[in-house]
C-alpha atoms as a PDB file:
ATOM      1  CA  MET A   1       4.310  15.166 -21.087  1.00  0.00           C
ATOM      2  CA  ASP A   2       7.170  12.750 -21.739  1.00  0.00           C
ATOM      3  CA  LYS A   3       9.430  14.724 -19.354  1.00  0.00           C
ATOM      4  CA  PHE A   4       6.831  14.255 -16.608  1.00  0.00           C
ATOM      5  CA  VAL A   5       6.653  10.520 -17.291  1.00  0.00           C
ATOM      6  CA  TYR A   6      10.455  10.371 -17.220  1.00  0.00           C
ATOM      7  CA  PHE A   7      10.440  11.568 -13.588  1.00  0.00           C
ATOM      8  CA  LEU A   8       7.706   9.124 -12.592  1.00  0.00           C
ATOM      9  CA  ILE A   9       9.814   6.059 -13.396  1.00  0.00           C
ATOM     10  CA  PRO A  10      12.408   6.539 -10.604  1.00  0.00           C
ATOM     11  CA  ILE A  11       9.631   7.417  -8.161  1.00  0.00           C
ATOM     12  CA  GLY A  12       7.805   4.180  -8.992  1.00  0.00           C
ATOM     13  CA  LEU A  13      11.004   2.155  -8.756  1.00  0.00           C
ATOM     14  CA  ALA A  14      11.833   3.679  -5.372  1.00  0.00           C
ATOM     15  CA  ALA A  15       8.314   3.049  -4.063  1.00  0.00           C
ATOM     16  CA  THR A  16       8.484  -0.578  -5.176  1.00  0.00           C
ATOM     17  CA  LEU A  17      11.900  -1.025  -3.567  1.00  0.00           C
ATOM     18  CA  ILE A  18      10.789   0.522  -0.272  1.00  0.00           C
ATOM     19  CA  ILE A  19       7.644  -1.606  -0.097  1.00  0.00           C
ATOM     20  CA  LEU A  20       9.652  -4.729  -0.934  1.00  0.00           C
ATOM     21  CA  GLY A  21      12.234  -3.896   1.723  1.00  0.00           C
ATOM     22  CA  VAL A  22       9.610  -3.335   4.427  1.00  0.00           C
ATOM     23  CA  GLY A  23       7.860  -6.564   3.425  1.00  0.00           C
ATOM     24  CA  ILE A  24      11.018  -8.666   3.519  1.00  0.00           C
ATOM     25  CA  TYR A  25      12.087  -7.093   6.815  1.00  0.00           C
ATOM     26  CA  SER A  26       8.709  -7.811   8.404  1.00  0.00           C
ATOM     27  CA  LEU A  27       8.756 -11.410   7.195  1.00  0.00           C
ATOM     28  CA  ALA A  28      12.294 -11.922   8.496  1.00  0.00           C
ATOM     29  CA  LYS A  29      11.498 -10.362  11.858  1.00  0.00           C
ATOM     30  CA  GLY A  30       8.158 -12.114  12.301  1.00  0.00           C
ATOM     31  CA  GLY A  31       5.754 -11.216  15.047  1.00  0.00           C
ATOM     32  CA  ALA A  32       2.331  -9.597  15.061  1.00  0.00           C
ATOM     33  CA  PHE A  33       3.200  -6.965  12.445  1.00  0.00           C
ATOM     34  CA  ALA A  34       4.269  -9.618   9.946  1.00  0.00           C
ATOM     35  CA  LYS A  35       1.136 -11.667  10.540  1.00  0.00           C
ATOM     36  CA  ALA A  36      -1.129  -8.672  10.100  1.00  0.00           C
ATOM     37  CA  ASN A  37       0.594  -6.880   7.219  1.00  0.00           C
ATOM     38  CA  SER A  38       2.881  -9.144   5.167  1.00  0.00           C
ATOM     39  CA  ASN A  39       0.182 -10.124   2.669  1.00  0.00           C
ATOM     40  CA  LYS A  40      -0.980  -6.507   2.332  1.00  0.00           C
ATOM     41  CA  LEU A  41       2.579  -5.316   1.736  1.00  0.00           C
ATOM     42  CA  MET A  42       3.206  -7.873  -0.998  1.00  0.00           C
ATOM     43  CA  ARG A  43      -0.073  -6.945  -2.702  1.00  0.00           C
ATOM     44  CA  LEU A  44       0.911  -3.285  -2.511  1.00  0.00           C
ATOM     45  CA  ARG A  45       4.306  -4.161  -4.021  1.00  0.00           C
ATOM     46  CA  ILE A  46       2.664  -5.929  -6.945  1.00  0.00           C
ATOM     47  CA  PHE A  47       0.405  -2.918  -7.483  1.00  0.00           C
ATOM     48  CA  ALA A  48       3.392  -0.521  -7.392  1.00  0.00           C
ATOM     49  CA  GLN A  49       5.293  -2.750  -9.836  1.00  0.00           C
ATOM     50  CA  GLY A  50       2.341  -2.802 -12.216  1.00  0.00           C
ATOM     51  CA  ILE A  51       1.983   0.970 -12.170  1.00  0.00           C
ATOM     52  CA  THR A  52       5.727   1.402 -12.713  1.00  0.00           C
ATOM     53  CA  ILE A  53       5.727  -0.985 -15.672  1.00  0.00           C
ATOM     54  CA  ALA A  54       2.732   0.837 -17.163  1.00  0.00           C
ATOM     55  CA  VAL A  55       4.568   4.162 -16.819  1.00  0.00           C
ATOM     56  CA  MET A  56       7.656   2.631 -18.469  1.00  0.00           C
ATOM     57  CA  LEU A  57       5.551   1.403 -21.381  1.00  0.00           C
ATOM     58  CA  LEU A  58       3.948   4.838 -21.708  1.00  0.00           C
ATOM     59  CA  PHE A  59       7.408   6.410 -21.775  1.00  0.00           C
ATOM     60  CA  LEU A  60       8.584   3.991 -24.470  1.00  0.00           C
ATOM     61  CA  PHE A  61       5.474   4.772 -26.508  1.00  0.00           C
ATOM     62  CA  LEU A  62       6.079   8.517 -26.212  1.00  0.00           C
ATOM     63  CA  VAL A  63       9.769   8.152 -27.126  1.00  0.00           C
ATOM     64  CA  GLY A  64       8.884   5.953 -30.089  1.00  0.00           C
ATOM     65  CA  ARG A  65       6.588   8.593 -31.549  1.00  0.00           C
ATOM     66  CA  GLY A  66       9.542  10.870 -32.087  1.00  0.00           C
ATOM     67  CA  PRO A  67       9.841  14.638 -31.698  1.00  0.00           C
ATOM     68  CA  GLY A  68       7.925  15.542 -34.860  1.00  0.00           C
ATOM     69  CA  VAL A  69       4.607  14.067 -33.809  1.00  0.00           C
END
């Protein structure tokens, strides 16, 4: 299980980075897309960050248990 969680961390980090990049690009460019989607993208980024942090905490919990448990 901890190996699976280990691979989820980079996926969550990449998803957060991609969402952040699209959000910043849309805000910098402006226009109809930015007006319609910038708030949704930032909410999605916060959600992705929260999930990634939760996965990191789960990984630290699993590592802290040690191999014998």
